[in-house]
Protein backbone atom coordinates (compact mmCIF):
# COMPACT_ATOMS: atom_id res chain seq x y z
CA MET A 1 -227.08 150.87 96.26
CA PHE A 2 -229.16 147.85 94.43
CA GLU A 3 -230.65 150.32 91.93
CA ARG A 4 -227.26 151.20 90.83
CA LEU A 5 -225.94 147.94 90.79
CA ALA A 6 -228.86 146.64 88.85
CA GLU A 7 -227.90 149.25 86.05
CA ILE A 8 -224.34 148.33 86.02
CA GLU A 9 -225.59 144.70 85.32
CA ALA A 10 -227.83 145.90 82.64
CA ARG A 11 -225.04 148.07 81.32
CA PHE A 12 -222.92 144.87 81.35
CA GLU A 13 -225.37 142.54 79.64
CA GLU A 14 -225.44 144.60 76.77
CA LEU A 15 -221.81 145.08 76.58
CA THR A 16 -221.46 141.31 75.68
CA ARG A 17 -224.27 141.50 73.72
CA LEU A 18 -222.23 143.96 71.52
CA LEU A 19 -219.26 141.98 71.68
CA ALA A 20 -221.37 139.45 69.49
CA ASP A 21 -222.49 141.96 67.27
CA PRO A 22 -220.64 141.42 63.44
CA ASP A 23 -221.16 145.22 62.92
CA VAL A 24 -219.13 145.82 66.03
CA LEU A 25 -216.78 143.28 65.43
CA ALA A 26 -215.92 144.78 62.25
CA ASP A 27 -214.43 147.74 64.03
CA HIS A 28 -211.63 146.68 65.96
CA ARG A 29 -211.37 150.12 67.80
CA ARG A 30 -214.93 149.67 68.94
CA VAL A 31 -214.22 146.21 70.22
CA GLU A 32 -211.26 147.38 72.29
CA GLU A 33 -213.21 150.41 73.98
CA ILE A 34 -216.15 147.86 74.96
CA ALA A 35 -214.20 145.12 76.06
CA ARG A 36 -212.61 147.77 78.46
CA GLU A 37 -215.41 149.35 79.44
CA ARG A 38 -217.10 145.46 80.19
CA ALA A 39 -213.77 144.56 81.80
CA THR A 40 -213.91 147.57 84.21
CA ILE A 41 -217.31 146.41 85.46
CA GLU A 42 -217.10 142.69 85.12
CA LYS A 43 -215.52 142.31 89.05
CA VAL A 44 -218.90 144.24 90.52
CA VAL A 45 -221.21 142.58 88.55
CA GLY A 46 -219.99 138.87 89.11
CA LEU A 47 -220.25 140.15 93.27
CA TYR A 48 -223.53 141.25 92.59
CA ARG A 49 -224.76 137.97 91.04
CA GLU A 50 -222.93 136.02 93.93
CA TYR A 51 -225.50 138.06 96.10
CA ARG A 52 -228.25 137.62 94.78
CA GLN A 53 -227.67 133.41 95.04
CA ALA A 54 -226.90 134.09 98.75
CA GLN A 55 -230.04 135.97 98.86
CA ASP A 56 -232.09 133.29 96.99
CA GLY A 57 -230.66 130.58 99.34
CA MET A 58 -231.22 132.64 102.82
CA ALA A 59 -234.69 132.76 101.20
CA GLY A 60 -234.98 128.82 101.43
CA ALA A 61 -233.22 128.37 104.05
CA ARG A 62 -235.88 130.55 106.31
CA GLY A 63 -238.26 128.85 104.96
CA LEU A 64 -237.15 125.40 106.55
CA LEU A 65 -237.46 127.31 109.70
CA GLY A 66 -240.92 126.62 109.75
CA ASP A 67 -240.67 122.76 109.23
CA THR A 68 -241.95 120.44 111.29
CA ASP A 69 -238.91 118.07 111.18
CA PRO A 70 -236.59 119.42 113.92
CA GLU A 71 -233.77 118.39 111.82
CA MET A 72 -234.25 120.36 108.63
CA ARG A 73 -234.99 123.17 111.16
CA GLU A 74 -231.61 123.10 112.34
CA MET A 75 -230.00 122.66 108.72
CA GLY A 76 -232.17 126.12 107.88
CA ARG A 77 -230.88 127.69 111.13
CA GLU A 78 -227.31 126.76 110.11
CA GLU A 79 -227.71 127.83 106.33
CA ALA A 80 -229.24 130.90 107.13
CA GLU A 81 -226.36 132.01 109.70
CA ARG A 82 -223.69 131.27 106.86
CA LEU A 83 -225.64 132.78 104.40
CA GLU A 84 -226.42 136.05 106.71
CA ALA A 85 -222.36 136.29 107.13
CA GLU A 86 -221.37 135.62 103.35
CA MET A 87 -224.29 138.21 102.63
CA ALA A 88 -222.78 141.10 104.60
CA ARG A 89 -219.28 140.25 103.34
CA LEU A 90 -220.72 140.39 99.98
CA GLU A 91 -222.08 144.04 100.74
CA HIS A 92 -219.41 145.20 102.44
CA GLU A 93 -217.10 144.38 99.07
CA LEU A 94 -219.84 145.42 97.01
CA GLN A 95 -220.02 149.08 98.67
CA LEU A 96 -215.93 149.31 98.32
CA ALA A 97 -216.33 148.16 94.26
CA LEU A 98 -218.53 151.01 94.00
CA LEU A 99 -216.40 153.92 95.31
CA PRO A 100 -214.81 156.10 93.00
CA THR A 101 -211.55 155.23 91.47
CA ASP A 102 -208.19 156.44 90.25
CA LYS A 103 -208.29 156.04 86.73
CA ALA A 104 -204.61 155.87 86.72
CA ASP A 105 -204.77 152.64 89.47
CA GLU A 106 -203.61 150.00 87.01
CA ARG A 107 -200.60 152.53 85.74
CA ASP A 108 -196.80 152.06 85.65
CA VAL A 109 -195.46 154.54 88.05
CA ILE A 110 -192.47 157.01 88.08
CA ILE A 111 -191.09 157.54 91.47
CA GLU A 112 -188.70 161.04 92.20
CA ILE A 113 -186.55 160.63 95.32
CA ARG A 114 -184.92 163.79 96.53
CA GLY A 115 -182.46 164.04 99.65
CA GLY A 116 -184.03 166.83 102.10
CA THR A 117 -183.05 168.35 105.31
CA GLY A 118 -179.76 166.28 106.62
CA GLY A 119 -177.16 166.81 103.83
CA ASP A 120 -175.73 163.66 102.97
CA GLU A 121 -177.16 161.82 105.63
CA ALA A 122 -180.30 162.77 103.52
CA GLY A 123 -178.98 161.39 100.22
CA LEU A 124 -178.15 158.10 102.09
CA PHE A 125 -181.42 157.46 103.67
CA ALA A 126 -182.55 158.72 100.07
CA ALA A 127 -180.60 155.37 98.81
CA ASP A 128 -182.67 153.63 101.33
CA LEU A 129 -185.67 153.86 100.17
CA PHE A 130 -185.24 153.86 96.75
CA GLY A 131 -183.30 150.11 98.07
CA MET A 132 -186.92 149.58 99.63
CA TYR A 133 -189.04 150.14 96.79
CA GLN A 134 -186.74 148.24 94.33
CA ARG A 135 -186.82 145.41 96.59
CA TYR A 136 -190.93 145.86 97.35
CA ALA A 137 -191.27 146.15 93.52
CA GLU A 138 -189.40 142.61 93.26
CA ARG A 139 -191.84 141.24 95.50
CA GLN A 140 -194.95 142.09 93.48
CA ASN A 141 -192.94 140.71 90.14
CA TRP A 142 -192.52 144.42 89.39
CA LYS A 143 -189.96 145.41 87.04
CA THR A 144 -187.84 148.39 88.28
CA GLU A 145 -185.75 151.29 85.67
CA VAL A 146 -183.76 153.31 86.82
CA LEU A 147 -184.00 157.02 84.56
CA ASN A 148 -181.88 159.22 86.03
CA THR A 149 -179.54 159.79 89.14
CA HIS A 150 -177.77 162.57 91.19
CA VAL A 151 -175.26 161.11 93.92
CA ASN A 152 -173.82 162.62 96.77
CA GLU A 153 -170.18 162.39 97.52
CA ALA A 154 -171.20 160.20 100.50
CA GLY A 155 -172.57 157.95 98.17
CA GLY A 156 -176.03 158.54 98.52
CA TYR A 157 -178.52 160.29 96.13
CA ARG A 158 -179.10 163.95 95.78
CA GLU A 159 -181.90 162.77 93.51
CA ILE A 160 -183.18 159.72 91.57
CA THR A 161 -185.70 159.06 89.39
CA PHE A 162 -186.99 155.62 88.93
CA GLU A 163 -189.61 153.67 86.94
CA ILE A 164 -191.81 151.06 88.55
CA HIS A 165 -193.37 148.77 85.58
CA GLY A 166 -196.28 146.18 87.01
CA LYS A 167 -200.39 146.35 86.90
CA GLY A 168 -201.94 148.38 89.66
CA ALA A 169 -198.19 150.04 90.61
CA TYR A 170 -199.55 153.27 91.27
CA SER A 171 -202.97 152.28 93.32
CA ARG A 172 -199.87 150.69 95.74
CA MET A 173 -197.01 153.78 95.26
CA LYS A 174 -199.12 156.62 95.47
CA TYR A 175 -199.39 156.40 99.24
CA GLU A 176 -195.82 156.93 99.49
CA SER A 177 -195.74 160.46 98.31
CA GLY A 178 -194.60 162.97 100.85
CA VAL A 179 -191.99 163.54 103.37
CA HIS A 180 -189.98 160.79 104.89
CA ARG A 181 -188.22 161.19 108.05
CA VAL A 182 -185.41 159.37 109.27
CA GLN A 183 -183.62 159.47 112.87
CA ARG A 184 -180.66 157.63 113.29
CA VAL A 185 -177.12 157.87 114.00
CA PRO A 186 -175.18 159.00 110.84
CA SER A 187 -172.40 156.56 109.96
CA THR A 188 -170.15 159.77 109.62
CA GLU A 189 -171.40 160.95 112.96
CA THR A 190 -168.10 160.59 115.82
CA GLN A 191 -170.11 161.59 118.94
CA GLY A 192 -172.94 158.95 118.56
CA ARG A 193 -175.71 162.00 118.24
CA ILE A 194 -178.87 161.17 116.82
CA HIS A 195 -179.57 163.11 113.46
CA THR A 196 -182.81 163.93 112.01
CA SER A 197 -182.99 163.97 108.04
CA THR A 198 -185.83 163.66 105.57
CA ALA A 199 -186.01 162.54 101.87
CA THR A 200 -188.87 163.39 99.81
CA VAL A 201 -191.22 161.29 97.60
CA ALA A 202 -193.18 161.84 94.34
CA VAL A 203 -195.22 159.28 92.83
CA MET A 204 -196.61 159.91 89.44
CA PRO A 205 -198.48 157.73 87.36
CA GLU A 206 -197.14 157.06 84.20
CA VAL A 207 -198.99 158.87 80.66
CA ASP A 208 -199.13 158.04 77.11
CA GLU A 209 -198.40 160.80 74.89
CA VAL A 210 -201.93 161.65 73.56
CA GLU A 211 -202.82 161.96 77.27
CA VAL A 212 -201.09 165.20 77.72
CA ASP A 213 -201.04 168.09 75.58
CA ILE A 214 -197.28 169.71 75.16
CA ASP A 215 -196.22 171.76 73.08
CA TRP A 216 -192.80 170.68 72.46
CA ASN A 217 -192.24 174.06 70.90
CA ASP A 218 -191.96 175.32 74.51
CA VAL A 219 -189.70 172.97 75.66
CA ARG A 220 -186.11 174.35 75.56
CA ILE A 221 -183.61 171.08 75.19
CA ASP A 222 -180.30 171.11 76.13
CA ILE A 223 -177.11 168.50 75.22
CA PHE A 224 -174.40 168.35 77.71
CA HIS A 225 -172.10 166.02 78.95
CA SER A 226 -172.80 163.98 81.54
CA GLY A 227 -171.04 164.14 85.42
CA GLY A 228 -170.24 161.32 88.07
CA ALA A 229 -169.39 157.92 86.97
CA GLY A 230 -169.83 156.18 83.92
CA GLY A 231 -166.96 155.56 82.42
CA GLN A 232 -164.70 158.02 79.69
CA ASN A 233 -167.51 157.66 77.17
CA VAL A 234 -169.93 159.01 79.23
CA ASN A 235 -167.46 162.11 80.11
CA LYS A 236 -166.50 162.45 76.46
CA VAL A 237 -169.70 162.18 74.41
CA ALA A 238 -172.39 165.06 75.06
CA THR A 239 -175.44 162.51 75.71
CA ALA A 240 -177.11 164.24 78.86
CA VAL A 241 -180.70 165.49 78.64
CA ARG A 242 -181.82 168.43 79.99
CA MET A 243 -185.71 169.65 79.03
CA THR A 244 -187.24 172.85 80.46
CA HIS A 245 -190.67 173.55 79.84
CA ILE A 246 -190.66 177.28 79.77
CA PRO A 247 -194.59 177.87 80.45
CA SER A 248 -194.60 175.51 83.71
CA GLY A 249 -190.42 176.07 84.51
CA VAL A 250 -190.70 172.16 84.98
CA VAL A 251 -187.18 171.06 84.34
CA VAL A 252 -186.31 167.23 83.88
CA GLN A 253 -182.59 165.69 83.05
CA CYS A 254 -181.54 162.25 82.34
CA GLN A 255 -178.30 161.14 81.89
CA ASP A 256 -177.40 157.78 82.73
CA GLU A 257 -177.97 156.25 79.42
CA ARG A 258 -174.81 156.41 76.56
CA SER A 259 -177.25 157.59 74.34
CA GLN A 260 -178.70 160.94 73.62
CA ALA A 261 -181.63 159.15 72.28
CA LYS A 262 -182.34 156.83 75.34
CA ASN A 263 -181.59 159.84 77.84
CA ARG A 264 -184.08 162.05 75.76
CA ALA A 265 -186.69 159.44 75.59
CA LYS A 266 -186.61 159.21 79.24
CA ALA A 267 -186.70 162.86 79.48
CA GLU A 268 -190.00 162.92 77.90
CA SER A 269 -191.50 160.13 79.37
CA VAL A 270 -190.39 162.39 83.15
CA MET A 271 -191.94 165.38 81.47
CA ARG A 272 -195.14 164.00 80.52
CA ALA A 273 -195.78 162.35 83.90
CA ARG A 274 -194.57 165.84 85.49
CA ILE A 275 -197.04 168.33 83.61
CA TYR A 276 -199.69 165.55 84.15
CA ASP A 277 -199.10 165.80 87.60
CA ILE A 278 -199.83 169.22 87.90
CA GLU A 279 -203.02 169.23 85.77
CA ARG A 280 -204.05 166.45 88.08
CA GLN A 281 -203.31 168.74 90.74
CA LYS A 282 -204.99 171.77 90.01
CA GLN A 283 -208.24 169.38 89.70
CA ASP A 284 -207.66 168.01 93.13
CA ALA A 285 -207.42 171.64 94.63
CA GLU A 286 -210.78 172.51 92.86
CA GLN A 287 -211.84 169.90 94.80
CA ALA A 288 -210.27 170.18 98.20
CA SER A 289 -213.20 169.66 100.35
CA SER A 290 -213.65 166.42 99.43
CA ARG A 291 -209.85 165.71 99.48
CA LYS A 292 -209.41 166.66 103.23
CA SER A 293 -210.91 163.38 103.97
CA GLN A 294 -208.80 161.64 101.93
CA VAL A 295 -205.21 160.31 103.16
CA GLY A 296 -203.92 159.68 99.77
CA SER A 297 -203.41 162.95 98.94
CA GLY A 298 -199.87 162.68 98.09
CA ASP A 299 -199.12 166.24 99.49
CA ARG A 300 -195.34 166.87 99.09
CA ALA A 301 -195.09 168.75 101.70
CA GLU A 302 -196.88 166.28 104.79
CA LYS A 303 -194.81 164.31 106.85
CA ILE A 304 -196.02 160.66 105.98
CA ARG A 305 -194.11 158.57 107.78
CA THR A 306 -190.62 158.36 110.66
CA TYR A 307 -188.33 155.67 110.66
CA ASN A 308 -186.74 156.06 114.49
CA PHE A 309 -183.47 153.37 114.20
CA PRO A 310 -182.67 153.59 117.57
CA GLN A 311 -186.23 152.37 118.87
CA ASP A 312 -186.75 150.39 115.77
CA ARG A 313 -189.67 152.57 115.32
CA ILE A 314 -191.71 152.98 112.17
CA THR A 315 -194.84 155.29 112.41
CA ASP A 316 -196.80 156.56 110.25
CA HIS A 317 -198.56 159.51 110.62
CA ARG A 318 -201.71 159.83 108.81
CA VAL A 319 -203.36 157.07 110.24
CA ASN A 320 -201.49 157.36 113.93
CA LEU A 321 -199.66 153.78 113.20
CA THR A 322 -196.81 152.74 114.92
CA THR A 323 -194.99 149.35 114.20
CA HIS A 324 -191.73 147.86 114.50
CA GLY A 325 -189.11 146.11 112.36
CA ILE A 326 -187.68 148.74 110.04
CA PRO A 327 -185.07 146.44 108.34
CA ARG A 328 -187.98 143.95 107.32
CA VAL A 329 -189.70 147.42 105.97
CA LEU A 330 -186.67 148.61 104.61
CA ASP A 331 -185.96 144.89 102.57
CA GLY A 332 -189.23 145.48 101.03
CA GLU A 333 -192.25 144.48 103.42
CA LEU A 334 -194.37 147.59 102.85
CA ASP A 335 -197.80 146.08 102.10
CA PRO A 336 -198.47 146.45 106.22
CA LEU A 337 -198.19 149.94 106.39
CA ILE A 338 -199.68 150.30 102.47
CA ASP A 339 -202.81 148.38 103.47
CA ALA A 340 -203.04 150.50 106.83
CA VAL A 341 -203.12 153.46 104.68
CA ALA A 342 -205.52 152.41 102.02
CA ALA A 343 -207.97 150.64 104.61
CA ASP A 344 -208.29 153.99 106.25
CA GLU A 345 -209.07 155.65 102.60
CA GLN A 346 -211.19 153.34 101.84
CA ALA A 347 -213.24 153.64 105.75
CA ARG A 348 -213.38 157.68 104.85
CA LEU A 349 -214.82 157.45 101.24
CA LEU A 350 -217.53 155.01 102.57
CA ALA A 351 -218.28 157.84 105.22
CA ALA A 352 -218.02 160.48 102.99
CA VAL A 353 -220.89 158.53 100.74
CA GLY A 354 -222.99 157.60 104.12
CA VAL A 355 -222.15 153.77 103.87
């Protein structure tokens, strides 16, 4: 590990020198590339240098252990204990910093929530999940933008697609992909019986046009009148956009905006994310053996969490975590649940590389 860290530090110093080179500074694109690479390794280099400083301090502290003065020996012992703990902490942080990272982690995300089994109650649960993510985004100082909605008769969502803008949004929200299950008495239930319903959450990183090779000649675009709420303008003017990517069969629909151009732009963004997600899943399938050791697989057929309202209990099935406080979680206090899954994935990755 330390040989690799030394190589990374040498590369960091080389990149720093390049940023001061007049020939490099004349090429703005080259400067951006170098600055971006340097930023990706700056944290690990800082940790490595802290570790080396602690290591040097440990050598000095151990030197005091042989001093003839009892007070100096005691000072050396205390300092050695402090530095030993500090080095252990830094070594663990370095191990985590060297783990493979998802290049999409820092990106914005597009999230699709669909009501699953359970009829109208599933749609109401989908609306609860959307509210939960919306409030979680507020807590993170992220911005939420709704791209498309499909409302059911009970006021829930058959489907809602929205975007979260914020640094590191995908690194947190990716753990929410999968099937969410709810057990509760629906508001429409007259006999007080507990129903089980589901909603499916798909989390995709937002991608740029240059990252996804879509031949738009392969995309059929249909313009039609929007349905549902939205006033007379929505129903009178054909502003809704449906895009069908013929090779893959992916269909995207956006109708919430009053402008056809805005709906089209949003549909294109979702289409790019969907196609990119399909390619990522293909790559993951090719690396299935390593993928099985990771909890953040985002398998949409995988039941990841159950919200049991009668017992105020939430269970994350991926890490066998059970906690209480459904109202707090639905109010956006998601960090404890996400942290548990992320920590478990880190532990599995560390075990996979023999740490």
